[in-house]
Amino acid sequence: MLNTVEIETLDGYQLVASEFKPEFSNGRVVIINGATGVLRKYYQLYAEFLCKQGFTIITYDYRGIGDSKQASVNAKPASMIHWGQLDMDAVLTWTQSHYPRLKIAGVGHSIGGQLLGITPNNNRYESFLNIAAQQIHWKNWGRKDQPLSVLFFYCVLPLFYSANKGLPKWVLGAEYLPKHVIRDWSRFGRKPFYTDDQGNELHDGYHRYTGNMRFYAMADDNRFAPPSCVKALQQHFKNAPSDMIVVDPKQVGVRSIDHFGFFKRSMPESVWQDTSNWLASSS
C-alpha cells in the first residue's frame, strides 16, 4: 500500500513523503534519504522492492525540492544544514512515533548519507546503509580529478550564490537547487570536515553514531563519489562498526552504474537483494 503523507518539521515546514506498507511486516522500517536535488519518486522502484520483502519504507522530498517546495511562513530556508538538522530529524521522529514497535534502518544516497552526522538523534537508526555517500572535500578526489573539484566548489557554486541565484537544472541535470543549498555545498567541498554557517566543525554527531553501517561505492563513480571519497566519509563515523563494498559494473553485468545508477531498473536484482539482506540482519 502506497500513501502520501505530510511531516512537519520543528520549524513548521511541511515535508511531503511517501509511505510504502508491506502486506506482511518483517518488523523493520527503512527511511530513504535522497541525494542532492533528487526527488523521492526516483527511489520508488527500490522502495517497492524492499516493501515486497516485508519492509515498511518512507521516502520524502527535502525542503525546497519536489513536492516540499511550499515554504511555511516562519520556516528556515532550504539548506543542506537544515536538511540534516531539521528535515532528516523530523522524518526520523515521525517514523518512530508512527511505528514504535518496528526497528528503524536508514538508507542514505550521496548527501543523504553525509548528513546523518548532523541529524540530532541519529542513534535512533539501528543501522544505516550508504549508497555512493561521500566526504566531498576536494582533496579526497584523485589528483587528475582535483582541478575539476576545485573549480566546482571554489568557482561554479560561489558564482551562482553570489548572483543571488540557486543552481539551475541544466548544470547537473537534477532539480533546481535553492541558493542556501549551494552555499553549504560549496563550503562542504572546501573544508576537510563539515561545518555550520559560522565555520564551527560538526564532529559530535559523526562520532556519536554507533549503529551498524555499510558503505557502497561504485567503481565508475569518478565525478561525484569515487571510492576514495566514500572511504573518507566512512572514517568520519569512527565509532560505528562498518564495512565498505566497491561495486564494479562489469562484475555485476551492467555497462555502468556511476552516481545515479544504483536505484535504476537496470541494476541487477541480486545487488539490491544483498542490501535487503544486510538491512534485515543488521538491525
Protein backbone atom coordinates (compact mmCIF):
# COMPACT_ATOMS: atom_id res chain seq x y z
CA MET A 1 0.00 0.00 0.00
CA LEU A 2 1.35 3.42 -1.00
CA ASN A 3 0.26 6.56 0.88
CA THR A 4 1.26 10.20 0.61
CA VAL A 5 1.79 11.88 3.98
CA GLU A 6 2.94 15.25 5.29
CA ILE A 7 5.56 15.51 8.00
CA GLU A 8 6.01 18.75 9.93
CA THR A 9 9.49 19.82 10.99
CA LEU A 10 10.31 21.59 14.25
CA ASP A 11 10.28 24.95 12.47
CA GLY A 12 6.90 24.31 10.85
CA TYR A 13 7.92 23.23 7.35
CA GLN A 14 5.63 20.65 5.73
CA LEU A 15 7.59 17.86 4.04
CA VAL A 16 5.81 15.59 1.60
CA ALA A 17 6.62 11.91 1.97
CA SER A 18 5.59 8.52 0.60
CA GLU A 19 4.80 5.60 2.87
CA PHE A 20 5.06 2.07 1.47
CA LYS A 21 3.32 -0.54 3.63
CA PRO A 22 4.01 -4.25 3.09
CA GLU A 23 1.35 -6.94 3.19
CA PHE A 24 3.29 -8.73 5.92
CA SER A 25 5.78 -6.77 8.02
CA ASN A 26 9.24 -8.11 8.82
CA GLY A 27 9.40 -5.80 11.85
CA ARG A 28 11.56 -3.14 10.21
CA VAL A 29 11.01 0.28 8.70
CA VAL A 30 13.53 1.89 6.34
CA ILE A 31 13.85 5.64 5.70
CA ILE A 32 15.43 6.50 2.35
CA ASN A 33 17.28 9.84 2.49
CA GLY A 34 17.86 11.07 -1.04
CA ALA A 35 20.70 12.71 -2.91
CA THR A 36 21.03 16.43 -3.64
CA GLY A 37 18.25 17.59 -5.94
CA VAL A 38 16.82 14.09 -6.43
CA LEU A 39 13.09 13.60 -5.97
CA ARG A 40 11.70 10.83 -3.79
CA LYS A 41 9.98 9.20 -6.78
CA TYR A 42 13.44 8.29 -8.10
CA TYR A 43 13.70 5.73 -5.29
CA GLN A 44 10.26 4.19 -5.85
CA LEU A 45 11.43 1.02 -7.63
CA TYR A 46 13.91 0.26 -4.87
CA ALA A 47 11.32 1.10 -2.21
CA GLU A 48 8.82 -1.27 -3.81
CA PHE A 49 11.46 -4.00 -3.99
CA LEU A 50 12.17 -3.71 -0.25
CA CYS A 51 8.48 -3.41 0.57
CA LYS A 52 7.77 -6.75 -1.11
CA GLN A 53 10.25 -8.28 1.33
CA GLY A 54 8.37 -7.00 4.36
CA PHE A 55 9.98 -3.63 4.99
CA THR A 56 7.88 -0.54 5.60
CA ILE A 57 9.51 2.24 3.56
CA ILE A 58 9.48 6.03 3.94
CA THR A 59 10.73 8.32 1.18
CA TYR A 60 10.46 12.12 1.20
CA ASP A 61 11.48 15.35 -0.51
CA TYR A 62 13.75 17.74 1.38
CA ARG A 63 12.51 21.30 1.86
CA GLY A 64 12.84 23.34 -1.31
CA ILE A 65 12.77 20.23 -3.51
CA GLY A 66 9.98 18.46 -5.40
CA ASP A 67 6.66 18.36 -3.55
CA SER A 68 8.22 20.02 -0.48
CA LYS A 69 8.76 23.37 -2.20
CA GLN A 70 5.93 25.18 -0.43
CA ALA A 71 7.69 27.07 2.35
CA SER A 72 5.95 27.76 5.66
CA VAL A 73 5.87 31.38 6.78
CA ASN A 74 8.28 31.09 9.69
CA ALA A 75 10.31 28.10 8.48
CA LYS A 76 14.01 28.31 7.84
CA PRO A 77 15.20 28.35 4.22
CA ALA A 78 16.26 25.25 2.33
CA SER A 79 19.90 24.45 3.01
CA MET A 80 21.94 21.31 3.46
CA ILE A 81 22.36 22.09 7.14
CA HIS A 82 18.58 22.37 7.56
CA TRP A 83 18.06 19.18 5.52
CA GLY A 84 20.12 17.29 8.07
CA GLN A 85 19.29 19.04 11.33
CA LEU A 86 15.57 19.61 10.69
CA ASP A 87 14.22 17.54 7.78
CA MET A 88 16.01 14.24 8.37
CA ASP A 89 15.35 14.55 12.08
CA ALA A 90 11.64 15.26 11.55
CA VAL A 91 11.19 12.23 9.32
CA LEU A 92 13.03 10.07 11.83
CA THR A 93 10.87 11.37 14.69
CA TRP A 94 7.65 10.87 12.69
CA THR A 95 8.67 7.33 11.79
CA GLN A 96 9.46 6.42 15.37
CA SER A 97 6.12 7.80 16.60
CA HIS A 98 4.09 6.04 13.89
CA TYR A 99 5.98 2.75 14.05
CA PRO A 100 7.09 2.42 17.68
CA ARG A 101 7.36 -1.37 17.51
CA LEU A 102 9.49 -1.51 14.37
CA LYS A 103 13.26 -1.32 14.19
CA ILE A 104 14.44 1.68 12.18
CA ALA A 105 17.11 1.46 9.49
CA GLY A 106 18.25 4.14 7.07
CA VAL A 107 19.44 4.34 3.51
CA GLY A 108 21.42 7.40 2.50
CA HIS A 109 22.21 8.24 -1.11
CA SER A 110 25.04 10.74 -1.50
CA ILE A 111 24.17 13.76 0.71
CA GLY A 112 21.56 11.57 2.42
CA GLY A 113 24.41 9.62 3.98
CA GLN A 114 26.65 12.59 4.65
CA LEU A 115 24.03 14.45 6.68
CA LEU A 116 23.39 11.55 9.05
CA GLY A 117 26.24 13.01 11.10
CA ILE A 118 24.38 16.27 11.77
CA THR A 119 20.97 14.68 12.44
CA PRO A 120 20.38 15.35 16.18
CA ASN A 121 19.00 11.95 17.18
CA ASN A 122 20.81 9.80 14.64
CA ASN A 123 21.29 6.89 17.06
CA ARG A 124 17.61 6.09 16.68
CA TYR A 125 18.75 4.43 13.47
CA GLU A 126 19.81 0.92 14.43
CA SER A 127 21.66 0.58 11.14
CA PHE A 128 22.43 2.75 8.14
CA LEU A 129 23.21 1.78 4.55
CA ASN A 130 25.14 4.31 2.48
CA ILE A 131 24.95 4.29 -1.31
CA ALA A 132 27.58 6.48 -3.02
CA ALA A 133 27.68 8.64 0.13
CA GLN A 134 30.94 10.52 0.25
CA GLN A 135 33.02 13.14 2.05
CA ILE A 136 33.31 15.86 -0.56
CA HIS A 137 36.42 17.80 0.43
CA TRP A 138 38.16 18.40 -2.89
CA LYS A 139 41.38 16.70 -1.77
CA ASN A 140 39.55 13.36 -1.45
CA TRP A 141 39.43 13.07 -5.24
CA GLY A 142 42.40 11.63 -7.16
CA ARG A 143 44.98 14.04 -8.49
CA LYS A 144 43.62 14.14 -12.04
CA ASP A 145 40.10 14.99 -10.83
CA GLN A 146 41.07 17.53 -8.16
CA PRO A 147 41.21 20.53 -10.55
CA LEU A 148 37.58 19.98 -11.58
CA SER A 149 36.56 19.66 -7.92
CA VAL A 150 38.35 22.90 -7.06
CA LEU A 151 36.65 24.64 -9.99
CA PHE A 152 33.22 23.40 -8.89
CA PHE A 153 33.49 24.20 -5.17
CA TYR A 154 35.52 27.43 -5.41
CA CYS A 155 34.14 28.93 -8.62
CA VAL A 156 30.94 27.43 -10.06
CA LEU A 157 28.86 27.21 -6.88
CA PRO A 158 30.04 30.55 -5.42
CA LEU A 159 29.32 32.23 -8.76
CA PHE A 160 25.66 31.23 -8.69
CA TYR A 161 25.34 32.04 -4.99
CA SER A 162 26.93 35.49 -5.36
CA ALA A 163 24.42 36.22 -8.12
CA ASN A 164 21.70 35.53 -5.52
CA LYS A 165 20.56 32.54 -7.52
CA GLY A 166 20.24 28.83 -7.00
CA LEU A 167 21.67 26.18 -9.28
CA PRO A 168 19.58 25.61 -12.43
CA LYS A 169 18.60 22.13 -13.55
CA TRP A 170 20.82 22.26 -16.62
CA VAL A 171 24.06 22.44 -14.61
CA LEU A 172 23.87 18.94 -13.13
CA GLY A 173 20.66 17.51 -14.56
CA ALA A 174 19.00 17.39 -11.14
CA GLU A 175 16.28 19.60 -9.65
CA TYR A 176 16.79 23.34 -9.19
CA LEU A 177 18.81 23.86 -6.00
CA PRO A 178 17.99 26.83 -3.72
CA LYS A 179 20.83 29.27 -3.09
CA HIS A 180 21.48 28.28 0.54
CA VAL A 181 21.85 24.65 -0.55
CA ILE A 182 24.64 25.55 -2.96
CA ARG A 183 26.22 27.80 -0.32
CA ASP A 184 26.51 24.82 2.05
CA TRP A 185 27.60 22.50 -0.75
CA SER A 186 30.42 24.87 -1.68
CA ARG A 187 31.55 25.19 1.93
CA PHE A 188 31.49 21.42 2.49
CA GLY A 189 33.70 20.91 -0.56
CA ARG A 190 36.30 23.43 0.62
CA LYS A 191 36.68 22.07 4.15
CA PRO A 192 38.08 18.72 5.34
CA PHE A 193 35.18 18.43 7.78
CA TYR A 194 31.55 19.54 7.78
CA THR A 195 30.95 22.99 9.26
CA ASP A 196 27.95 25.16 10.11
CA ASP A 197 27.30 28.69 8.86
CA GLN A 198 29.71 30.13 11.43
CA GLY A 199 32.51 27.76 10.46
CA ASN A 200 32.21 25.50 13.52
CA GLU A 201 33.18 21.90 12.79
CA LEU A 202 30.35 19.44 13.32
CA HIS A 203 32.24 16.48 14.77
CA ASP A 204 29.90 15.36 17.53
CA GLY A 205 27.13 13.70 15.54
CA TYR A 206 29.53 11.69 13.42
CA HIS A 207 31.39 10.45 16.47
CA ARG A 208 28.16 9.85 18.40
CA TYR A 209 26.63 7.42 15.93
CA THR A 210 27.28 3.78 16.90
CA GLY A 211 24.86 1.82 14.73
CA ASN A 212 25.94 -0.69 12.12
CA MET A 213 26.93 0.87 8.79
CA ARG A 214 27.69 -0.34 5.30
CA PHE A 215 29.11 1.84 2.54
CA TYR A 216 28.69 1.05 -1.16
CA ALA A 217 30.99 2.80 -3.62
CA MET A 218 30.67 2.47 -7.38
CA ALA A 219 33.94 1.77 -9.16
CA ASP A 220 32.98 4.03 -12.08
CA ASP A 221 31.62 6.95 -10.00
CA ASN A 222 34.58 9.19 -10.72
CA ARG A 223 32.82 12.54 -10.93
CA PHE A 224 30.70 12.58 -7.75
CA ALA A 225 31.76 9.84 -5.33
CA PRO A 226 34.89 7.87 -6.15
CA PRO A 227 35.78 5.16 -3.62
CA SER A 228 38.36 7.47 -2.02
CA CYS A 229 35.61 9.94 -1.10
CA VAL A 230 33.35 7.18 0.20
CA LYS A 231 36.20 5.85 2.34
CA ALA A 232 36.76 9.34 3.76
CA LEU A 233 33.13 9.55 4.92
CA GLN A 234 33.34 6.08 6.46
CA GLN A 235 36.30 7.26 8.53
CA HIS A 236 34.26 10.15 9.97
CA PHE A 237 31.94 7.64 11.67
CA LYS A 238 34.78 6.31 13.76
CA ASN A 239 32.64 4.75 16.50
CA ALA A 240 30.27 2.89 14.19
CA PRO A 241 31.09 -0.69 13.11
CA SER A 242 31.19 -0.54 9.33
CA ASP A 243 32.42 -2.07 6.12
CA MET A 244 32.76 -0.84 2.56
CA ILE A 245 31.96 -2.58 -0.71
CA VAL A 246 33.13 -1.36 -4.10
CA VAL A 247 30.72 -2.41 -6.86
CA ASP A 248 32.33 -2.95 -10.26
CA PRO A 249 29.76 -2.63 -13.08
CA LYS A 250 31.43 -5.35 -15.13
CA GLN A 251 31.31 -7.81 -12.25
CA VAL A 252 27.55 -7.35 -11.82
CA GLY A 253 26.80 -7.42 -15.54
CA VAL A 254 25.99 -3.79 -16.41
CA ARG A 255 27.76 -1.25 -18.58
CA SER A 256 27.84 1.47 -15.92
CA ILE A 257 26.40 2.47 -12.55
CA ASP A 258 28.05 5.81 -11.84
CA HIS A 259 26.46 8.01 -9.17
CA PHE A 260 22.80 7.59 -10.05
CA GLY A 261 22.52 4.10 -11.48
CA PHE A 262 22.17 2.07 -8.30
CA PHE A 263 18.43 2.75 -7.92
CA LYS A 264 17.52 2.31 -11.58
CA ARG A 265 15.71 -0.65 -13.12
CA SER A 266 18.92 -1.70 -14.88
CA MET A 267 20.59 -2.56 -11.56
CA PRO A 268 20.77 -6.34 -11.09
CA GLU A 269 18.27 -7.55 -8.52
CA SER A 270 21.00 -9.60 -6.86
CA VAL A 271 22.74 -6.39 -5.74
CA TRP A 272 19.52 -4.98 -4.34
CA GLN A 273 18.95 -8.30 -2.61
CA ASP A 274 22.34 -8.03 -0.92
CA THR A 275 21.30 -4.67 0.54
CA SER A 276 17.95 -6.10 1.65
CA ASN A 277 19.68 -8.98 3.40
CA TRP A 278 22.01 -6.58 5.17
CA LEU A 279 19.17 -4.29 6.29
CA ALA A 280 17.27 -7.29 7.65
CA SER A 281 20.23 -8.70 9.56
CA SER A 282 21.95 -5.54 10.80
CA SER A 283 19.09 -4.03 12.80
